Amino acid sequence: MSSSHRIRVMVVDDHSMVRRGLATILKVRPGLELVGEASNGVEALEICEQVRPDVILMDMVMPEMDGAAATHAIRARHPEIQVIALTSFKEKELVQGALAAGAIGYLLKNVSADELTDAIRAAYVGKPTLAPEVAQVLIQAEKLEQLTRALIDAPADISTLPELLNRHVPDLLPESRVEILLFPDQTLVRFPPGKPPVPRPVWDWLDSAAASYCFLPGNSLPWGGTQPSGEGLILSPLAVAESPKPMGGIYVSRQREPGAIADLLPIVKTLAAQVSSSLHSALVSAQTRVQQRIARELALAGQIQASFLPSDLPVLPGWQLAAIMQPAREIAGDFYDLIPLPEGRLGVVVADVADKGMGAALYMAVSRTLIRTYTAEYPTRPDLVLSATSKRILSDVRAGWFVTAFYGVLDPKTGLLAYCNAGHHPPYVLRTMGKETVQALSPTGMALGVLEDAAWRQEFAELEPGAVLVLYTDGIIEAQNEAGKNYGRAQWLELLRAAVLTPGPQRPSAQVIQDYLLGNIRRYMGDVPQADDIALVILIRDS
């Protein structure tokens, strides 16, 4: 710049006192010339077109159009004009926004007249100038970015979190005492080395805090006492959305310029957010692993439970069989069984544990095993089988649950069914011949596992040629539609009549009847998820 050329400077600020103060400085500095003033970004664009300054001193926070938007517009139209951000704010977002918009410098309004003059002259020749505090903000922003990338690349658990924090936090908060704690007592960071732990009352207070707090020298402390005169303090909770209380906290104190401790508050808040995000990710990852393990265990349990069901239906000359089990979840509390017995007889079981989930599935496995065990001891006496099973359940299984069950012994040669119904929904015998077309095999005693001295009355039903026996669990009659209404026993009975007793050229098979019944139930439910297990067994004596 020649001695005759003066740098043309324009001032943009929404405060008239600031503009006057800057004008005073520019008028007395050799080589500088004030050529225009504006109170907001819109005015700045208009005046800039008229006076074409060399350098603009631009406030960042203004009405109508802020400094970053004005800088971007001016630099887009006149790239030869240099803009220096001159503001009271040094937040990372403002600094990065101004520099991204094209500002060559960023100064704070507490800058001295000499420093301002040097920055204007440097900008005129294309050299950037940043206030030391602003440079520190950018350095800290970069270090936060490095920590963020390291946390993103770290394993989902928090196994490497202490090492990462101890590597990055000292550079992020130099000349500070820092402690990061996971409640109740897991220390992630404590430096400088040799410092004693933060007193427990501090953490106890932070455990119920909902926001970050800054304590200046001399402030009263909520856990007692006052903040030392030569030290400022920041406390920030580590808050995770899934947790009603903080999972930990950050303690930062500084003795250098203790009254300016509030300048560190944005950094500490950001650090707390990053650590909290890692804790949240670890929490979600742990929950996911648990859910995946549970899902694998439930799937395995379902496979084991499915193996309890007959792998192949027994072949009975002159009879048709169909059976299905549809759990509402991975595992079920309902079950059916078809048990080969001496002299060609067949044991038929349908049962329902009065609960759901893993416990009900285990209870089902015990009940099935006991019934099978006692059928070998009492092959023709359903009453004795249920009595022995119930007593054994009460003596060995102290879960407080009960089992409704129907157990019958069928003689395929004669069609005679000896049965006991332990509080179960009545199976139906449907006949196409004779006066009694539908017979309900009603309960002959209470559910299993209720009373020590319970007994069951054994009764008989004769399945003539053409008769159909349908056994089921309450997942059918308690199936709900989208209006929340149960299917109900009356509607179920009408469906059975339609499936079995409707005249036709040929009697449908057991499998066709089963598909017809379940298809109607599914259509009734619509999009409502199955809420209870369904077991269905159909036996037909051929004509």
Protein backbone atom coordinates (compact mmCIF):
# COMPACT_ATOMS: atom_id res chain seq x y z
CA MET A 1 0.00 0.00 0.00
CA SER A 2 1.46 3.34 -1.00
CA SER A 3 1.64 6.14 1.51
CA SER A 4 -0.92 8.08 -0.49
CA HIS A 5 -3.51 5.30 -0.55
CA ARG A 6 -5.86 5.05 2.38
CA ILE A 7 -7.72 1.82 3.29
CA ARG A 8 -11.42 2.48 2.88
CA VAL A 9 -13.28 1.01 5.84
CA MET A 10 -16.99 0.54 6.42
CA VAL A 11 -18.60 -0.21 9.85
CA VAL A 12 -21.73 -2.38 10.23
CA ASP A 13 -23.25 -2.60 13.74
CA ASP A 14 -26.76 -2.22 15.12
CA HIS A 15 -25.52 -0.18 18.11
CA SER A 16 -24.87 3.50 17.34
CA MET A 17 -22.45 3.87 20.27
CA VAL A 18 -20.25 1.10 18.82
CA ARG A 19 -20.33 2.72 15.39
CA ARG A 20 -19.31 6.09 16.86
CA GLY A 21 -16.49 4.52 18.86
CA LEU A 22 -15.12 2.72 15.80
CA ALA A 23 -15.49 5.87 13.72
CA THR A 24 -13.38 7.78 16.25
CA ILE A 25 -10.60 5.18 16.04
CA LEU A 26 -10.62 5.07 12.23
CA LYS A 27 -10.50 8.84 11.85
CA VAL A 28 -7.30 9.23 13.85
CA ARG A 29 -5.42 6.23 12.47
CA PRO A 30 -3.08 6.99 9.60
CA GLY A 31 -3.81 5.17 6.38
CA LEU A 32 -7.45 4.39 7.32
CA GLU A 33 -10.57 6.12 6.06
CA LEU A 34 -14.16 5.64 7.24
CA VAL A 35 -16.36 5.58 4.13
CA GLY A 36 -19.71 4.29 5.42
CA GLU A 37 -21.84 3.05 8.29
CA ALA A 38 -24.79 0.63 8.43
CA SER A 39 -27.01 -0.62 11.26
CA ASN A 40 -27.86 -4.05 9.80
CA GLY A 41 -27.00 -6.40 6.98
CA VAL A 42 -29.59 -5.07 4.57
CA GLU A 43 -28.27 -1.51 4.88
CA ALA A 44 -24.74 -2.84 4.55
CA LEU A 45 -25.53 -4.36 1.15
CA GLU A 46 -27.03 -1.11 -0.12
CA ILE A 47 -24.25 1.18 1.14
CA CYS A 48 -21.56 -1.26 0.02
CA GLU A 49 -22.76 -0.85 -3.58
CA GLN A 50 -22.33 2.91 -3.26
CA VAL A 51 -19.02 3.29 -1.46
CA ARG A 52 -17.19 0.04 -2.39
CA PRO A 53 -15.00 -0.21 0.76
CA ASP A 54 -11.77 -2.17 0.98
CA VAL A 55 -12.52 -3.66 4.41
CA ILE A 56 -15.78 -4.04 6.38
CA LEU A 57 -15.98 -4.37 10.15
CA MET A 58 -19.08 -6.56 10.52
CA ASP A 59 -21.10 -7.26 13.66
CA MET A 60 -22.46 -10.80 13.70
CA VAL A 61 -25.71 -10.48 15.67
CA MET A 62 -28.03 -7.89 14.08
CA PRO A 63 -31.72 -7.58 13.18
CA GLU A 64 -33.16 -8.07 9.66
CA MET A 65 -29.99 -9.71 8.30
CA ASP A 66 -27.22 -11.05 10.51
CA GLY A 67 -23.52 -10.62 9.92
CA ALA A 68 -22.87 -14.06 8.44
CA ALA A 69 -25.64 -13.65 5.82
CA ALA A 70 -24.45 -10.14 4.94
CA THR A 71 -20.82 -11.29 4.67
CA HIS A 72 -21.81 -14.12 2.34
CA ALA A 73 -23.83 -11.80 0.11
CA ILE A 74 -21.12 -9.13 -0.05
CA ARG A 75 -18.33 -11.60 -0.76
CA ALA A 76 -20.43 -13.23 -3.49
CA ARG A 77 -20.92 -9.87 -5.25
CA HIS A 78 -17.55 -8.26 -4.47
CA PRO A 79 -14.89 -10.87 -3.66
CA GLU A 80 -12.26 -8.13 -3.52
CA ILE A 81 -13.86 -6.67 -0.36
CA GLN A 82 -12.52 -8.19 2.87
CA VAL A 83 -14.77 -8.63 5.89
CA ILE A 84 -13.63 -8.78 9.52
CA ALA A 85 -16.20 -10.10 12.00
CA LEU A 86 -16.23 -7.77 15.02
CA THR A 87 -18.57 -8.99 17.74
CA SER A 88 -19.00 -9.67 21.45
CA PHE A 89 -19.65 -13.38 20.91
CA LYS A 90 -17.17 -16.20 20.52
CA GLU A 91 -19.41 -19.26 20.34
CA LYS A 92 -18.12 -21.93 18.00
CA GLU A 93 -21.17 -21.78 15.73
CA LEU A 94 -20.84 -18.01 15.23
CA VAL A 95 -17.12 -18.20 14.56
CA GLN A 96 -17.44 -21.07 12.11
CA GLY A 97 -20.44 -19.41 10.45
CA ALA A 98 -18.57 -16.14 9.90
CA LEU A 99 -15.48 -17.83 8.50
CA ALA A 100 -17.59 -20.09 6.29
CA ALA A 101 -19.40 -16.99 4.95
CA GLY A 102 -16.04 -15.55 3.85
CA ALA A 103 -14.80 -13.39 6.73
CA ILE A 104 -11.02 -13.08 6.77
CA GLY A 105 -10.84 -12.27 10.47
CA TYR A 106 -12.77 -12.62 13.69
CA LEU A 107 -12.21 -10.14 16.52
CA LEU A 108 -13.95 -9.44 19.79
CA LYS A 109 -15.13 -5.94 20.68
CA ASN A 110 -12.71 -5.71 23.57
CA VAL A 111 -9.89 -5.50 21.00
CA SER A 112 -7.49 -2.59 21.41
CA ALA A 113 -7.28 0.20 18.86
CA ASP A 114 -3.79 -0.91 17.81
CA GLU A 115 -4.88 -4.53 17.38
CA LEU A 116 -7.90 -3.46 15.35
CA THR A 117 -5.74 -1.27 13.12
CA ASP A 118 -3.25 -4.10 12.54
CA ALA A 119 -6.11 -6.49 11.67
CA ILE A 120 -7.53 -4.05 9.11
CA ARG A 121 -4.14 -3.61 7.45
CA ALA A 122 -3.60 -7.40 7.45
CA ALA A 123 -7.03 -8.00 5.90
CA TYR A 124 -6.32 -5.42 3.17
CA VAL A 125 -3.33 -7.52 2.01
CA GLY A 126 -5.22 -10.81 2.42
CA LYS A 127 -3.90 -11.99 5.78
CA PRO A 128 -6.32 -13.42 8.35
CA THR A 129 -6.48 -12.33 11.96
CA LEU A 130 -8.22 -14.17 14.79
CA ALA A 131 -8.58 -13.03 18.38
CA PRO A 132 -6.61 -15.39 20.66
CA GLU A 133 -9.83 -16.38 22.41
CA VAL A 134 -11.44 -17.18 19.06
CA ALA A 135 -8.44 -19.20 17.95
CA GLN A 136 -8.77 -21.17 21.19
CA VAL A 137 -12.45 -21.78 20.43
CA LEU A 138 -11.56 -23.21 17.02
CA ILE A 139 -8.79 -25.34 18.49
CA GLN A 140 -11.20 -26.68 21.09
CA ALA A 141 -13.81 -27.30 18.38
CA GLU A 142 -11.29 -29.35 16.44
CA LYS A 143 -10.35 -31.32 19.54
CA LEU A 144 -14.04 -31.96 20.22
CA GLU A 145 -14.39 -33.20 16.65
CA GLN A 146 -11.43 -35.53 17.16
CA LEU A 147 -13.01 -36.87 20.35
CA THR A 148 -16.35 -37.28 18.56
CA ARG A 149 -14.75 -39.30 15.77
CA ALA A 150 -12.88 -41.44 18.28
CA LEU A 151 -16.10 -42.14 20.21
CA ILE A 152 -17.96 -43.01 16.99
CA ASP A 153 -15.22 -45.45 15.99
CA ALA A 154 -15.04 -46.98 19.48
CA PRO A 155 -16.76 -50.28 20.39
CA ALA A 156 -20.44 -50.01 21.28
CA ASP A 157 -19.74 -50.76 24.94
CA ILE A 158 -17.85 -48.35 27.20
CA SER A 159 -14.77 -50.53 27.60
CA THR A 160 -12.54 -48.00 25.79
CA LEU A 161 -14.30 -44.85 27.06
CA PRO A 162 -11.89 -44.11 29.96
CA GLU A 163 -8.85 -44.47 27.68
CA LEU A 164 -10.34 -42.18 25.01
CA LEU A 165 -11.37 -39.52 27.51
CA ASN A 166 -7.99 -39.54 29.25
CA ARG A 167 -6.30 -39.12 25.87
CA HIS A 168 -8.44 -36.20 24.61
CA VAL A 169 -9.89 -34.30 27.58
CA PRO A 170 -6.62 -32.88 29.02
CA ASP A 171 -5.92 -31.10 25.70
CA LEU A 172 -9.54 -30.00 25.48
CA LEU A 173 -9.52 -28.41 28.95
CA PRO A 174 -5.92 -27.42 29.65
CA GLU A 175 -4.94 -25.85 32.97
CA SER A 176 -8.09 -27.32 34.52
CA ARG A 177 -8.89 -29.90 37.15
CA VAL A 178 -11.28 -32.43 35.60
CA GLU A 179 -13.08 -35.45 36.98
CA ILE A 180 -15.70 -37.51 35.14
CA LEU A 181 -17.61 -40.04 37.20
CA LEU A 182 -20.19 -42.70 36.43
CA PHE A 183 -22.50 -43.07 39.38
CA PRO A 184 -22.10 -44.41 41.91
CA ASP A 185 -18.28 -44.67 41.90
CA GLN A 186 -16.72 -45.51 38.50
CA THR A 187 -14.10 -42.87 37.71
CA LEU A 188 -13.59 -42.36 33.97
CA VAL A 189 -11.22 -39.37 34.14
CA ARG A 190 -9.27 -37.65 36.93
CA PHE A 191 -6.49 -35.19 36.20
CA PRO A 192 -4.04 -33.71 36.91
CA PRO A 193 -2.55 -36.85 38.47
CA GLY A 194 -2.34 -36.86 42.23
CA LYS A 195 -5.44 -34.74 42.79
CA PRO A 196 -7.75 -36.11 45.48
CA PRO A 197 -11.21 -37.31 44.45
CA VAL A 198 -14.00 -34.77 44.25
CA PRO A 199 -15.87 -34.79 47.59
CA ARG A 200 -18.89 -37.08 47.64
CA PRO A 201 -21.41 -34.32 48.53
CA VAL A 202 -20.69 -32.68 45.18
CA TRP A 203 -21.69 -35.84 43.28
CA ASP A 204 -24.68 -36.44 45.54
CA TRP A 205 -25.98 -33.00 44.63
CA LEU A 206 -25.27 -33.44 40.91
CA ASP A 207 -27.10 -36.78 40.99
CA SER A 208 -30.37 -34.85 41.09
CA ALA A 209 -29.37 -31.97 38.81
CA ALA A 210 -31.10 -31.43 35.48
CA ALA A 211 -28.73 -28.88 33.93
CA SER A 212 -25.12 -27.65 33.95
CA TYR A 213 -24.10 -25.11 36.61
CA CYS A 214 -21.30 -22.55 36.84
CA PHE A 215 -20.06 -21.38 40.26
CA LEU A 216 -17.95 -18.23 40.33
CA PRO A 217 -15.51 -17.44 43.17
CA GLY A 218 -17.45 -16.57 46.32
CA ASN A 219 -20.72 -18.18 45.21
CA SER A 220 -22.67 -20.18 47.79
CA LEU A 221 -22.56 -23.90 47.05
CA PRO A 222 -25.79 -25.92 47.31
CA TRP A 223 -24.03 -28.77 49.14
CA GLY A 224 -22.58 -26.34 51.68
CA GLY A 225 -19.87 -23.68 51.91
CA THR A 226 -18.73 -21.18 49.30
CA GLN A 227 -16.65 -21.44 46.16
CA PRO A 228 -12.98 -20.53 46.91
CA SER A 229 -11.97 -17.04 45.83
CA GLY A 230 -9.25 -18.23 43.49
CA GLU A 231 -11.19 -20.91 41.63
CA GLY A 232 -14.17 -21.17 39.28
CA LEU A 233 -16.22 -24.37 38.97
CA ILE A 234 -18.51 -26.04 36.39
CA LEU A 235 -20.66 -29.11 37.07
CA SER A 236 -22.53 -30.91 34.30
CA PRO A 237 -24.71 -34.04 34.55
CA LEU A 238 -24.40 -36.96 32.14
CA ALA A 239 -28.05 -37.32 31.18
CA VAL A 240 -29.42 -40.23 29.14
CA ALA A 241 -32.98 -40.19 27.83
CA GLU A 242 -33.83 -43.68 29.10
CA SER A 243 -32.64 -42.85 32.63
CA PRO A 244 -34.77 -40.67 34.96
CA LYS A 245 -31.61 -39.47 36.73
CA PRO A 246 -28.08 -38.61 35.51
CA MET A 247 -25.80 -41.59 34.91
CA GLY A 248 -22.81 -39.56 36.04
CA GLY A 249 -21.29 -36.11 36.01
CA ILE A 250 -18.41 -33.85 34.95
CA TYR A 251 -16.46 -31.64 37.38
CA VAL A 252 -14.25 -28.88 35.93
CA SER A 253 -12.45 -26.26 38.01
CA ARG A 254 -9.87 -23.68 37.02
CA GLN A 255 -7.67 -21.30 38.99
CA ARG A 256 -6.39 -19.26 36.02
CA GLU A 257 -8.82 -16.41 35.43
CA PRO A 258 -11.42 -18.04 37.69
CA GLY A 259 -13.98 -15.34 36.96
CA ALA A 260 -13.96 -16.38 33.30
CA ILE A 261 -14.87 -20.01 34.06
CA ALA A 262 -18.21 -19.46 32.28
CA ASP A 263 -16.30 -19.32 28.98
CA LEU A 264 -15.74 -23.07 29.35
CA LEU A 265 -19.42 -23.84 29.84
CA PRO A 266 -20.20 -24.52 26.13
CA ILE A 267 -17.24 -26.89 25.89
CA VAL A 268 -18.19 -28.76 29.05
CA LYS A 269 -21.81 -29.05 27.89
CA THR A 270 -20.67 -30.43 24.54
CA LEU A 271 -18.33 -32.86 26.27
CA ALA A 272 -21.17 -33.98 28.54
CA ALA A 273 -23.41 -34.50 25.50
CA GLN A 274 -20.75 -36.62 23.78
CA VAL A 275 -20.12 -38.79 26.84
CA SER A 276 -23.86 -39.12 27.41
CA SER A 277 -24.30 -40.19 23.77
CA SER A 278 -21.67 -42.90 24.25
CA LEU A 279 -23.39 -44.06 27.42
CA HIS A 280 -26.71 -44.12 25.59
CA SER A 281 -25.19 -46.15 22.75
CA ALA A 282 -23.68 -48.57 25.26
CA LEU A 283 -27.03 -48.86 27.03
CA VAL A 284 -28.88 -49.51 23.77
CA SER A 285 -26.20 -51.98 22.66
CA ALA A 286 -26.43 -53.85 25.96
CA GLN A 287 -30.22 -53.94 25.74
CA THR A 288 -29.99 -55.16 22.16
CA ARG A 289 -27.58 -57.93 23.15
CA VAL A 290 -29.90 -58.98 25.96
CA GLN A 291 -32.89 -58.93 23.62
CA GLN A 292 -31.00 -60.93 21.01
CA ARG A 293 -29.93 -63.46 23.63
CA ILE A 294 -33.49 -63.73 24.92
CA ALA A 295 -34.76 -64.09 21.36
CA ARG A 296 -32.25 -66.90 20.69
CA GLU A 297 -33.19 -68.61 23.94
CA LEU A 298 -36.90 -68.26 23.20
CA ALA A 299 -36.40 -69.59 19.68
CA LEU A 300 -34.49 -72.57 21.09
CA ALA A 301 -37.16 -73.08 23.73
CA GLY A 302 -39.80 -72.96 21.02
CA GLN A 303 -37.93 -75.60 19.03
CA ILE A 304 -37.61 -77.81 22.09
CA GLN A 305 -41.26 -77.30 22.94
CA ALA A 306 -42.30 -78.11 19.39
CA SER A 307 -40.37 -81.36 19.71
CA PHE A 308 -42.75 -82.33 22.55
CA LEU A 309 -45.61 -82.47 20.05
CA PRO A 310 -46.12 -85.73 18.15
CA SER A 311 -43.81 -85.64 15.14
CA ASP A 312 -46.21 -87.87 13.19
CA LEU A 313 -49.88 -88.43 13.83
CA PRO A 314 -50.66 -92.04 14.74
CA VAL A 315 -52.28 -94.16 12.05
CA LEU A 316 -55.60 -95.61 13.21
CA PRO A 317 -57.40 -97.79 10.69
CA GLY A 318 -60.87 -96.38 10.10
CA TRP A 319 -60.01 -92.99 11.66
CA GLN A 320 -58.76 -89.61 10.49
CA LEU A 321 -56.68 -87.27 12.67
CA ALA A 322 -55.60 -83.65 12.33
CA ALA A 323 -53.79 -81.62 15.01
CA ILE A 324 -52.12 -78.24 15.18
CA MET A 325 -50.50 -75.98 17.75
CA GLN A 326 -50.24 -72.22 17.04
CA PRO A 327 -48.37 -70.34 19.81
CA ALA A 328 -49.18 -66.67 20.29
CA ARG A 329 -45.51 -66.10 21.14
CA GLU A 330 -42.30 -68.01 20.59
CA ILE A 331 -43.33 -70.49 23.28
CA ALA A 332 -46.70 -71.67 24.49
CA GLY A 333 -48.58 -72.72 27.60
CA ASP A 334 -51.09 -74.79 25.60
CA PHE A 335 -50.34 -78.28 24.32
CA TYR A 336 -51.86 -81.38 22.85
CA ASP A 337 -50.60 -84.94 22.91
CA LEU A 338 -51.50 -88.22 21.24
CA ILE A 339 -50.18 -91.11 23.33
CA PRO A 340 -50.06 -94.70 22.05
CA LEU A 341 -51.41 -97.07 24.73
CA PRO A 342 -51.54 -100.86 25.09
CA GLU A 343 -54.03 -102.89 23.01
CA GLY A 344 -54.15 -100.25 20.30
CA ARG A 345 -55.78 -97.57 22.44
CA LEU A 346 -54.91 -93.90 22.02
CA GLY A 347 -54.55 -91.29 24.76
CA VAL A 348 -55.77 -87.84 23.65
CA VAL A 349 -54.72 -84.76 25.64
CA VAL A 350 -55.48 -81.06 25.19
CA ALA A 351 -54.39 -78.73 28.00
CA ASP A 352 -53.85 -75.08 28.82
CA VAL A 353 -51.58 -73.59 31.51
CA ALA A 354 -53.24 -70.55 33.09
CA ASP A 355 -50.45 -68.13 32.16
CA LYS A 356 -48.08 -67.18 29.33
CA GLY A 357 -44.39 -66.88 28.75
CA MET A 358 -41.37 -68.93 29.73
CA GLY A 359 -42.80 -69.97 33.11
CA ALA A 360 -45.98 -71.28 31.50
CA ALA A 361 -43.92 -73.16 28.92
CA LEU A 362 -41.91 -74.87 31.67
CA TYR A 363 -45.12 -75.66 33.53
CA MET A 364 -46.52 -77.13 30.32
CA ALA A 365 -43.45 -79.34 29.90
CA VAL A 366 -43.78 -80.64 33.47
CA SER A 367 -47.53 -81.29 33.07
CA ARG A 368 -47.07 -83.10 29.78
CA THR A 369 -44.31 -85.27 31.21
CA LEU A 370 -46.37 -86.17 34.28
CA ILE A 371 -49.45 -87.07 32.23
CA ARG A 372 -47.36 -89.26 29.95
CA THR A 373 -45.71 -90.88 32.97
CA TYR A 374 -49.01 -91.81 34.64
CA THR A 375 -50.68 -92.99 31.42
CA ALA A 376 -48.18 -95.84 31.46
CA GLU A 377 -49.26 -96.67 35.04
CA TYR A 378 -53.01 -96.26 34.47
CA PRO A 379 -53.52 -96.92 30.72
CA THR A 380 -57.33 -97.18 30.90
CA ARG A 381 -58.10 -94.78 33.77
CA PRO A 382 -58.05 -91.07 32.86
CA ASP A 383 -59.35 -90.22 36.35
CA LEU A 384 -56.35 -91.80 38.06
CA VAL A 385 -53.91 -90.23 35.60
CA LEU A 386 -55.24 -86.72 36.30
CA SER A 387 -55.38 -87.32 40.07
CA ALA A 388 -51.76 -88.52 40.21
CA THR A 389 -50.63 -85.66 37.93
CA SER A 390 -52.35 -83.01 40.04
CA LYS A 391 -50.90 -84.31 43.29
CA ARG A 392 -47.42 -84.41 41.83
CA ILE A 393 -47.75 -80.86 40.50
CA LEU A 394 -48.80 -79.63 43.95
CA SER A 395 -45.93 -81.43 45.69
CA ASP A 396 -43.12 -80.62 43.25
CA VAL A 397 -44.03 -77.41 41.47
CA ARG A 398 -44.71 -74.45 43.76
CA ALA A 399 -45.64 -71.88 41.16
CA GLY A 400 -49.23 -71.35 42.26
CA TRP A 401 -50.52 -71.97 38.73
CA PHE A 402 -53.07 -74.47 37.48
CA VAL A 403 -53.71 -76.43 34.31
CA THR A 404 -57.01 -77.07 32.60
CA ALA A 405 -56.88 -80.38 30.74
CA PHE A 406 -58.99 -82.86 28.84
CA TYR A 407 -57.69 -86.41 28.78
CA GLY A 408 -59.47 -89.24 27.02
CA VAL A 409 -58.62 -92.87 26.21
CA LEU A 410 -60.01 -93.94 22.85
CA ASP A 411 -60.60 -97.54 21.84
CA PRO A 412 -60.47 -97.26 18.03
CA LYS A 413 -62.10 -100.63 17.55
CA THR A 414 -65.29 -99.80 19.45
CA GLY A 415 -65.23 -96.01 19.27
CA LEU A 416 -65.61 -95.80 23.05
CA LEU A 417 -63.93 -92.75 24.64
CA ALA A 418 -63.30 -92.81 28.41
CA TYR A 419 -62.49 -89.27 29.51
CA CYS A 420 -62.04 -86.73 32.29
CA ASN A 421 -62.33 -83.00 31.83
CA ALA A 422 -60.30 -81.01 34.38
CA GLY A 423 -61.91 -77.59 34.09
CA HIS A 424 -61.23 -77.36 30.34
CA HIS A 425 -63.51 -75.90 27.68
CA PRO A 426 -65.74 -78.80 26.61
CA PRO A 427 -64.72 -80.66 23.47
CA TYR A 428 -67.58 -81.47 21.12
CA VAL A 429 -68.71 -84.71 19.51
CA LEU A 430 -70.66 -84.00 16.33
CA ARG A 431 -72.77 -86.77 14.81
CA THR A 432 -74.52 -86.96 11.47
CA MET A 433 -76.81 -89.78 12.59
CA GLY A 434 -79.27 -90.01 15.48
CA LYS A 435 -81.12 -87.36 17.46
CA GLU A 436 -78.19 -85.90 19.41
CA THR A 437 -76.10 -84.21 16.72
CA VAL A 438 -73.81 -82.27 19.11
CA GLN A 439 -72.54 -83.49 22.51
CA ALA A 440 -70.43 -81.32 24.83
CA LEU A 441 -67.91 -83.24 26.97
CA SER A 442 -68.28 -80.93 29.95
CA PRO A 443 -65.92 -80.68 32.95
CA THR A 444 -65.93 -83.63 35.33
CA GLY A 445 -63.74 -81.93 37.94
CA MET A 446 -61.61 -78.88 38.65
CA ALA A 447 -58.34 -77.84 37.04
CA LEU A 448 -55.11 -79.67 37.91
CA GLY A 449 -52.82 -78.27 40.61
CA VAL A 450 -55.50 -76.59 42.74
CA LEU A 451 -56.43 -78.89 45.68
CA GLU A 452 -54.68 -81.90 47.19
CA ASP A 453 -57.85 -83.97 47.57
CA ALA A 454 -59.42 -83.09 44.21
CA ALA A 455 -60.98 -85.95 42.28
CA TRP A 456 -62.26 -86.35 38.72
CA ARG A 457 -65.27 -88.27 37.57
CA GLN A 458 -64.63 -90.53 34.62
CA GLU A 459 -67.29 -90.53 31.92
CA PHE A 460 -67.77 -92.10 28.49
CA ALA A 461 -68.73 -91.02 25.01
CA GLU A 462 -69.34 -93.29 22.07
CA LEU A 463 -68.02 -92.19 18.70
CA GLU A 464 -70.15 -93.95 16.12
CA PRO A 465 -69.13 -94.18 12.45
CA GLY A 466 -69.28 -90.66 10.99
CA ALA A 467 -68.78 -88.97 14.39
CA VAL A 468 -66.30 -86.08 14.71
CA LEU A 469 -64.48 -85.18 17.95
CA VAL A 470 -63.13 -81.62 18.19
CA LEU A 471 -60.81 -80.63 21.05
CA TYR A 472 -59.46 -77.07 21.41
CA THR A 473 -58.04 -74.47 23.79
CA ASP A 474 -59.45 -71.08 24.69
CA GLY A 475 -57.29 -69.20 22.17
CA ILE A 476 -60.08 -69.97 19.71
CA ILE A 477 -63.17 -68.84 21.60
CA GLU A 478 -61.30 -65.87 23.12
CA ALA A 479 -59.95 -64.66 19.77
CA GLN A 480 -60.81 -60.97 19.39
CA ASN A 481 -61.76 -58.90 16.39
CA GLU A 482 -60.80 -55.27 15.79
CA ALA A 483 -63.74 -54.14 17.96
CA GLY A 484 -62.34 -56.10 20.91
CA LYS A 485 -65.17 -58.67 20.89
CA ASN A 486 -64.44 -62.33 21.66
CA TYR A 487 -65.36 -64.98 19.12
CA GLY A 488 -67.29 -66.80 21.85
CA ARG A 489 -68.45 -70.36 22.43
CA ALA A 490 -71.84 -69.93 20.72
CA GLN A 491 -70.28 -68.69 17.48
CA TRP A 492 -67.65 -71.44 17.71
CA LEU A 493 -70.35 -74.09 18.01
CA GLU A 494 -72.17 -72.66 14.98
CA LEU A 495 -68.90 -72.78 13.04
CA LEU A 496 -68.44 -76.45 14.01
CA ARG A 497 -71.96 -77.25 12.83
CA ALA A 498 -71.30 -75.54 9.51
CA ALA A 499 -67.99 -77.38 9.06
CA VAL A 500 -69.20 -80.85 10.01
CA LEU A 501 -72.98 -81.14 9.77
CA THR A 502 -73.71 -79.18 6.58
CA PRO A 503 -75.03 -81.70 4.04
CA GLY A 504 -72.85 -82.30 1.03
CA PRO A 505 -71.91 -84.93 -1.52
CA GLN A 506 -68.90 -85.98 0.52
CA ARG A 507 -67.82 -85.66 4.15
CA PRO A 508 -64.80 -83.27 4.42
CA SER A 509 -61.56 -84.75 5.77
CA ALA A 510 -60.14 -83.94 9.20
CA GLN A 511 -57.49 -81.72 7.60
CA VAL A 512 -60.08 -79.84 5.52
CA ILE A 513 -62.22 -79.26 8.62
CA GLN A 514 -59.18 -77.99 10.55
CA ASP A 515 -58.23 -75.56 7.76
CA TYR A 516 -61.83 -74.36 7.48
CA LEU A 517 -62.12 -73.69 11.23
CA LEU A 518 -58.82 -71.86 11.56
CA GLY A 519 -59.42 -69.86 8.38
CA ASN A 520 -62.70 -68.55 9.78
CA ILE A 521 -61.02 -67.62 13.08
CA ARG A 522 -58.30 -65.73 11.26
CA ARG A 523 -60.81 -63.82 9.16
CA TYR A 524 -62.71 -62.89 12.31
CA MET A 525 -59.54 -61.51 13.90
CA GLY A 526 -58.59 -59.45 10.85
CA ASP A 527 -55.37 -57.58 11.58
CA VAL A 528 -55.57 -58.12 15.34
CA PRO A 529 -52.51 -60.09 16.55
CA GLN A 530 -53.15 -63.50 18.07
CA ALA A 531 -53.30 -62.94 21.83
CA ASP A 532 -53.45 -66.51 23.11
CA ASP A 533 -52.18 -69.93 22.10
CA ILE A 534 -54.38 -72.13 19.94
CA ALA A 535 -54.36 -75.92 20.05
CA LEU A 536 -56.83 -77.85 17.89
CA VAL A 537 -57.25 -81.63 17.55
CA ILE A 538 -59.83 -83.31 15.28
CA LEU A 539 -60.67 -87.04 15.17
CA ILE A 540 -63.13 -88.51 12.67
CA ARG A 541 -64.44 -92.05 12.68
CA ASP A 542 -64.99 -92.92 9.06
CA SER A 543 -68.43 -94.07 8.00
